[in-house]
Amino acid sequence: MKMLSITALMLASASPALAEPSVEVMHFWTSGGEAAALGAVRDKVVAEGVTWTDAPVAGGGGDQAKTALQARIASGNPHAAMLMLGQTITDWAAEGVLGNVDALASAQG
């Protein structure tokens, strides 16, 4: 089984400092237990005061989502976060489009 992760992508432009925190999440977990698992993540994010905008792309085990993500990145308007397969994360990191959340993860334990 391949490991799945939600990975933060760097935003093309900064949000206004006083804006309500929000995140647009592209994913391909659209059925059954996958949707329920993502719902648990969404509920936690929303409970922390962040507005969640769902951007589902059904079908293809993530292939169609990858294509949609490529188009959004090429247009300069990437999602704030994306659910993707482990190797895909490495590929995007090599392209320099991932945000580094190590310091936040360390601070938050």
N, C-alpha and C. Protein backbone atom coordinates (compact mmCIF):
# COMPACT_ATOMS: atom_id res chain seq x y z
N MET A 1 0.85 -1.18 0.00
CA MET A 1 0.00 0.00 0.00
C MET A 1 0.89 1.24 0.00
N LYS A 2 0.59 2.17 -0.86
CA LYS A 2 1.37 3.40 -0.94
C LYS A 2 0.93 4.35 0.15
N MET A 3 1.89 5.05 0.72
CA MET A 3 1.58 6.01 1.77
C MET A 3 1.01 7.28 1.15
N LEU A 4 -0.05 7.80 1.73
CA LEU A 4 -0.66 9.03 1.25
C LEU A 4 -0.38 10.14 2.26
N SER A 5 -0.22 11.34 1.76
CA SER A 5 0.05 12.48 2.61
C SER A 5 -0.71 13.68 2.11
N ILE A 6 -1.01 14.58 3.01
CA ILE A 6 -1.51 15.89 2.59
C ILE A 6 -0.32 16.81 2.67
N THR A 7 -0.02 17.45 1.58
CA THR A 7 1.18 18.27 1.46
C THR A 7 0.80 19.71 1.18
N ALA A 8 1.41 20.60 1.91
CA ALA A 8 1.15 22.02 1.68
C ALA A 8 1.92 22.51 0.47
N LEU A 9 1.26 23.23 -0.38
CA LEU A 9 1.91 23.86 -1.52
C LEU A 9 2.06 25.35 -1.22
N MET A 10 3.14 25.92 -1.66
CA MET A 10 3.34 27.34 -1.47
C MET A 10 2.29 28.11 -2.26
N LEU A 11 1.71 29.10 -1.64
CA LEU A 11 0.73 29.93 -2.32
C LEU A 11 1.43 30.92 -3.22
N ALA A 12 0.81 31.23 -4.33
CA ALA A 12 1.40 32.15 -5.30
C ALA A 12 1.48 33.56 -4.74
N SER A 13 0.55 33.91 -3.87
CA SER A 13 0.58 35.24 -3.26
C SER A 13 0.15 35.14 -1.81
N ALA A 14 0.65 36.02 -1.00
CA ALA A 14 0.34 36.00 0.43
C ALA A 14 -1.07 36.51 0.68
N SER A 15 -1.71 35.97 1.71
CA SER A 15 -3.03 36.43 2.11
C SER A 15 -2.88 37.67 2.96
N PRO A 16 -3.89 38.53 2.97
CA PRO A 16 -3.83 39.68 3.86
C PRO A 16 -3.67 39.22 5.31
N ALA A 17 -2.90 39.95 6.08
CA ALA A 17 -2.56 39.55 7.44
C ALA A 17 -3.78 39.35 8.32
N LEU A 18 -4.84 40.10 8.13
CA LEU A 18 -5.99 40.00 9.00
C LEU A 18 -7.08 39.09 8.45
N ALA A 19 -6.85 38.45 7.35
CA ALA A 19 -7.86 37.58 6.75
C ALA A 19 -8.05 36.33 7.61
N GLU A 20 -9.27 35.82 7.57
CA GLU A 20 -9.57 34.56 8.26
C GLU A 20 -8.72 33.46 7.64
N PRO A 21 -8.12 32.59 8.46
CA PRO A 21 -7.31 31.51 7.88
C PRO A 21 -8.20 30.56 7.07
N SER A 22 -7.70 30.19 5.91
CA SER A 22 -8.46 29.28 5.07
C SER A 22 -7.50 28.38 4.30
N VAL A 23 -8.02 27.25 3.83
CA VAL A 23 -7.23 26.32 3.06
C VAL A 23 -8.13 25.66 2.01
N GLU A 24 -7.64 25.64 0.77
CA GLU A 24 -8.31 24.90 -0.28
C GLU A 24 -7.55 23.59 -0.46
N VAL A 25 -8.25 22.49 -0.31
CA VAL A 25 -7.60 21.18 -0.33
C VAL A 25 -8.08 20.36 -1.52
N MET A 26 -7.16 20.06 -2.43
CA MET A 26 -7.47 19.18 -3.55
C MET A 26 -7.18 17.75 -3.09
N HIS A 27 -8.10 16.85 -3.45
CA HIS A 27 -7.93 15.46 -3.04
C HIS A 27 -8.69 14.55 -3.99
N PHE A 28 -8.40 13.27 -3.88
CA PHE A 28 -9.12 12.27 -4.66
C PHE A 28 -9.76 11.23 -3.76
N TRP A 29 -9.92 11.55 -2.48
CA TRP A 29 -10.60 10.66 -1.55
C TRP A 29 -12.08 11.02 -1.58
N THR A 30 -12.81 10.42 -2.48
CA THR A 30 -14.19 10.83 -2.71
C THR A 30 -15.22 9.76 -2.40
N SER A 31 -14.81 8.56 -2.00
CA SER A 31 -15.81 7.53 -1.75
C SER A 31 -15.55 6.81 -0.43
N GLY A 32 -16.64 6.31 0.14
CA GLY A 32 -16.58 5.43 1.30
C GLY A 32 -15.67 5.87 2.42
N GLY A 33 -14.81 4.93 2.83
CA GLY A 33 -13.91 5.16 3.95
C GLY A 33 -12.91 6.28 3.71
N GLU A 34 -12.52 6.45 2.44
CA GLU A 34 -11.59 7.55 2.12
C GLU A 34 -12.23 8.89 2.47
N ALA A 35 -13.46 9.08 2.03
CA ALA A 35 -14.16 10.34 2.30
C ALA A 35 -14.35 10.53 3.80
N ALA A 36 -14.63 9.45 4.52
CA ALA A 36 -14.80 9.54 5.97
C ALA A 36 -13.47 9.92 6.64
N ALA A 37 -12.37 9.35 6.18
CA ALA A 37 -11.06 9.68 6.75
C ALA A 37 -10.71 11.14 6.50
N LEU A 38 -10.93 11.60 5.28
CA LEU A 38 -10.66 13.00 4.97
C LEU A 38 -11.57 13.91 5.78
N GLY A 39 -12.82 13.48 6.00
CA GLY A 39 -13.75 14.24 6.82
C GLY A 39 -13.23 14.45 8.24
N ALA A 40 -12.55 13.44 8.77
CA ALA A 40 -11.98 13.56 10.11
C ALA A 40 -10.88 14.62 10.13
N VAL A 41 -10.06 14.65 9.09
CA VAL A 41 -9.02 15.68 8.98
C VAL A 41 -9.67 17.05 8.84
N ARG A 42 -10.66 17.16 7.94
CA ARG A 42 -11.37 18.42 7.73
C ARG A 42 -11.98 18.93 9.03
N ASP A 43 -12.63 18.05 9.79
CA ASP A 43 -13.27 18.45 11.04
C ASP A 43 -12.25 19.03 12.02
N LYS A 44 -11.08 18.46 12.08
CA LYS A 44 -10.02 18.96 12.97
C LYS A 44 -9.54 20.34 12.52
N VAL A 45 -9.35 20.50 11.22
CA VAL A 45 -8.91 21.79 10.68
C VAL A 45 -9.96 22.86 10.96
N VAL A 46 -11.21 22.56 10.71
CA VAL A 46 -12.31 23.51 10.93
C VAL A 46 -12.42 23.84 12.42
N ALA A 47 -12.23 22.84 13.28
CA ALA A 47 -12.29 23.07 14.73
C ALA A 47 -11.21 24.04 15.20
N GLU A 48 -10.13 24.12 14.43
CA GLU A 48 -9.03 25.05 14.76
C GLU A 48 -9.30 26.45 14.21
N GLY A 49 -10.47 26.66 13.61
CA GLY A 49 -10.84 27.99 13.13
C GLY A 49 -10.44 28.29 11.70
N VAL A 50 -10.12 27.27 10.94
CA VAL A 50 -9.70 27.45 9.56
C VAL A 50 -10.88 27.09 8.64
N THR A 51 -11.14 27.94 7.66
CA THR A 51 -12.17 27.64 6.67
C THR A 51 -11.60 26.66 5.67
N TRP A 52 -12.28 25.54 5.48
CA TRP A 52 -11.85 24.47 4.57
C TRP A 52 -12.66 24.58 3.29
N THR A 53 -12.00 24.69 2.16
CA THR A 53 -12.65 24.63 0.86
C THR A 53 -12.25 23.33 0.20
N ASP A 54 -13.23 22.48 -0.02
CA ASP A 54 -13.00 21.16 -0.58
C ASP A 54 -12.86 21.27 -2.10
N ALA A 55 -11.84 20.60 -2.66
CA ALA A 55 -11.63 20.59 -4.12
C ALA A 55 -11.41 19.15 -4.57
N PRO A 56 -12.48 18.34 -4.55
CA PRO A 56 -12.33 16.93 -4.92
C PRO A 56 -12.18 16.72 -6.42
N VAL A 57 -11.39 15.72 -6.78
CA VAL A 57 -11.25 15.29 -8.17
C VAL A 57 -11.42 13.77 -8.15
N ALA A 58 -12.57 13.29 -8.58
CA ALA A 58 -12.87 11.86 -8.50
C ALA A 58 -12.21 11.08 -9.62
N GLY A 59 -11.92 9.82 -9.31
CA GLY A 59 -11.49 8.87 -10.33
C GLY A 59 -10.00 8.81 -10.58
N GLY A 60 -9.57 7.65 -11.08
CA GLY A 60 -8.20 7.49 -11.54
C GLY A 60 -7.17 7.27 -10.46
N GLY A 61 -7.55 7.04 -9.22
CA GLY A 61 -6.56 6.81 -8.17
C GLY A 61 -5.59 7.96 -8.00
N GLY A 62 -6.02 9.16 -8.34
CA GLY A 62 -5.17 10.33 -8.19
C GLY A 62 -4.60 10.86 -9.50
N ASP A 63 -4.68 10.08 -10.57
CA ASP A 63 -4.11 10.53 -11.85
C ASP A 63 -4.79 11.80 -12.35
N GLN A 64 -6.12 11.85 -12.28
CA GLN A 64 -6.83 13.04 -12.75
C GLN A 64 -6.56 14.23 -11.83
N ALA A 65 -6.40 13.96 -10.54
CA ALA A 65 -6.07 15.04 -9.60
C ALA A 65 -4.68 15.60 -9.91
N LYS A 66 -3.74 14.72 -10.26
CA LYS A 66 -2.39 15.18 -10.60
C LYS A 66 -2.43 16.10 -11.82
N THR A 67 -3.22 15.73 -12.82
CA THR A 67 -3.36 16.55 -14.01
C THR A 67 -3.97 17.90 -13.67
N ALA A 68 -5.01 17.89 -12.84
CA ALA A 68 -5.65 19.14 -12.43
C ALA A 68 -4.69 20.01 -11.63
N LEU A 69 -3.89 19.38 -10.77
CA LEU A 69 -2.92 20.13 -9.98
C LEU A 69 -1.86 20.77 -10.87
N GLN A 70 -1.38 20.03 -11.87
CA GLN A 70 -0.39 20.58 -12.80
C GLN A 70 -0.94 21.83 -13.48
N ALA A 71 -2.21 21.78 -13.87
CA ALA A 71 -2.82 22.94 -14.52
C ALA A 71 -2.90 24.13 -13.57
N ARG A 72 -3.27 23.88 -12.31
CA ARG A 72 -3.37 24.97 -11.34
C ARG A 72 -2.00 25.58 -11.05
N ILE A 73 -0.98 24.75 -10.94
CA ILE A 73 0.37 25.27 -10.69
C ILE A 73 0.84 26.07 -11.89
N ALA A 74 0.62 25.57 -13.09
CA ALA A 74 1.03 26.27 -14.31
C ALA A 74 0.34 27.62 -14.44
N SER A 75 -0.89 27.74 -13.92
CA SER A 75 -1.62 29.00 -14.00
C SER A 75 -1.23 29.96 -12.88
N GLY A 76 -0.36 29.50 -11.96
CA GLY A 76 0.06 30.35 -10.85
C GLY A 76 -0.94 30.42 -9.72
N ASN A 77 -1.86 29.46 -9.67
CA ASN A 77 -2.92 29.46 -8.66
C ASN A 77 -3.04 28.08 -8.01
N PRO A 78 -1.97 27.61 -7.33
CA PRO A 78 -2.04 26.27 -6.74
C PRO A 78 -2.96 26.23 -5.52
N HIS A 79 -3.44 25.04 -5.22
CA HIS A 79 -4.21 24.83 -3.99
C HIS A 79 -3.27 25.00 -2.80
N ALA A 80 -3.82 25.30 -1.65
CA ALA A 80 -2.99 25.41 -0.45
C ALA A 80 -2.48 24.05 -0.01
N ALA A 81 -3.28 23.00 -0.24
CA ALA A 81 -2.88 21.65 0.15
C ALA A 81 -3.41 20.65 -0.85
N MET A 82 -2.73 19.53 -0.94
CA MET A 82 -3.09 18.49 -1.90
C MET A 82 -2.80 17.14 -1.31
N LEU A 83 -3.75 16.23 -1.42
CA LEU A 83 -3.53 14.85 -1.04
C LEU A 83 -2.86 14.18 -2.23
N MET A 84 -1.70 13.53 -2.00
CA MET A 84 -0.99 12.90 -3.11
C MET A 84 -0.21 11.70 -2.63
N LEU A 85 0.19 10.87 -3.59
CA LEU A 85 0.98 9.69 -3.30
C LEU A 85 2.41 10.09 -2.95
N GLY A 86 3.06 9.27 -2.14
CA GLY A 86 4.40 9.58 -1.63
C GLY A 86 5.43 9.95 -2.67
N GLN A 87 5.56 9.18 -3.74
CA GLN A 87 6.57 9.49 -4.76
C GLN A 87 6.25 10.80 -5.45
N THR A 88 4.99 11.12 -5.63
CA THR A 88 4.60 12.38 -6.26
C THR A 88 5.08 13.56 -5.43
N ILE A 89 5.07 13.41 -4.11
CA ILE A 89 5.54 14.47 -3.22
C ILE A 89 7.01 14.77 -3.52
N THR A 90 7.81 13.73 -3.68
CA THR A 90 9.23 13.90 -3.99
C THR A 90 9.41 14.64 -5.31
N ASP A 91 8.59 14.29 -6.30
CA ASP A 91 8.68 14.96 -7.59
C ASP A 91 8.38 16.45 -7.47
N TRP A 92 7.32 16.80 -6.74
CA TRP A 92 6.97 18.22 -6.59
C TRP A 92 8.01 18.96 -5.75
N ALA A 93 8.58 18.28 -4.77
CA ALA A 93 9.65 18.91 -3.98
C ALA A 93 10.83 19.28 -4.87
N ALA A 94 11.16 18.40 -5.80
CA ALA A 94 12.26 18.68 -6.73
C ALA A 94 11.97 19.88 -7.61
N GLU A 95 10.67 20.14 -7.87
CA GLU A 95 10.26 21.30 -8.67
C GLU A 95 10.25 22.59 -7.84
N GLY A 96 10.39 22.47 -6.52
CA GLY A 96 10.44 23.64 -5.65
C GLY A 96 9.09 24.29 -5.37
N VAL A 97 8.01 23.53 -5.47
CA VAL A 97 6.68 24.13 -5.25
C VAL A 97 6.04 23.74 -3.92
N LEU A 98 6.73 23.00 -3.08
CA LEU A 98 6.17 22.62 -1.79
C LEU A 98 6.60 23.58 -0.70
N GLY A 99 5.68 23.86 0.21
CA GLY A 99 6.01 24.66 1.38
C GLY A 99 6.61 23.75 2.43
N ASN A 100 7.59 24.24 3.15
CA ASN A 100 8.24 23.47 4.20
C ASN A 100 7.52 23.72 5.52
N VAL A 101 6.95 22.67 6.10
CA VAL A 101 6.21 22.81 7.35
C VAL A 101 6.97 22.16 8.52
N ASP A 102 8.26 21.89 8.35
CA ASP A 102 9.05 21.24 9.39
C ASP A 102 9.07 22.04 10.69
N ALA A 103 9.29 23.34 10.61
CA ALA A 103 9.38 24.16 11.83
C ALA A 103 8.04 24.15 12.58
N LEU A 104 6.94 24.26 11.85
CA LEU A 104 5.62 24.23 12.49
C LEU A 104 5.36 22.86 13.12
N ALA A 105 5.69 21.80 12.39
CA ALA A 105 5.48 20.45 12.92
C ALA A 105 6.31 20.24 14.19
N SER A 106 7.53 20.71 14.19
CA SER A 106 8.39 20.58 15.36
C SER A 106 7.84 21.38 16.54
N ALA A 107 7.42 22.61 16.27
CA ALA A 107 6.87 23.47 17.33
C ALA A 107 5.57 22.92 17.90
N GLN A 108 4.77 22.28 17.06
CA GLN A 108 3.47 21.76 17.48
C GLN A 108 3.55 20.33 18.02
N GLY A 109 4.73 19.73 17.90
CA GLY A 109 4.90 18.36 18.40
C GLY A 109 4.15 17.36 17.56
